[in-house]
């Protein structure tokens, strides 16, 4: 999977390692680097930018930088919750499984860059 030209993989990896407080040579660096193309593909699909690309990186668009960092971290942390997030409280004391979308936290950040909007 190719990373779009508007993504600076080195910057994303550095930012993710910084947020996770991992050193540059950490054992998980390769795993995190392998998740960057998946995060870029999710963001590219959401933005509908097949015809009009964002400017090539570096420098990376600030909104894209934040979204790439957060989405890559979400994908990385999925290993800690393989069956989703559990809500352990409800009125009848049932446990409810809540699935998570890796883009959920960045959708509003990316909204100004989205070109096409669907009609329901």
Foldseek 3Di string as FASTA:
>chain_A
DDADQLDDLVLLLVLLCVVVVHDPPDPCSVVLSVCLRVLRVVLCVQQVCPPPDDDGDDVHDVLVSVSSNQLSVLVVCCVVPVQADWDQDDPVRDIDHDHDDSNVVSPVSCVVNRDDDDDD
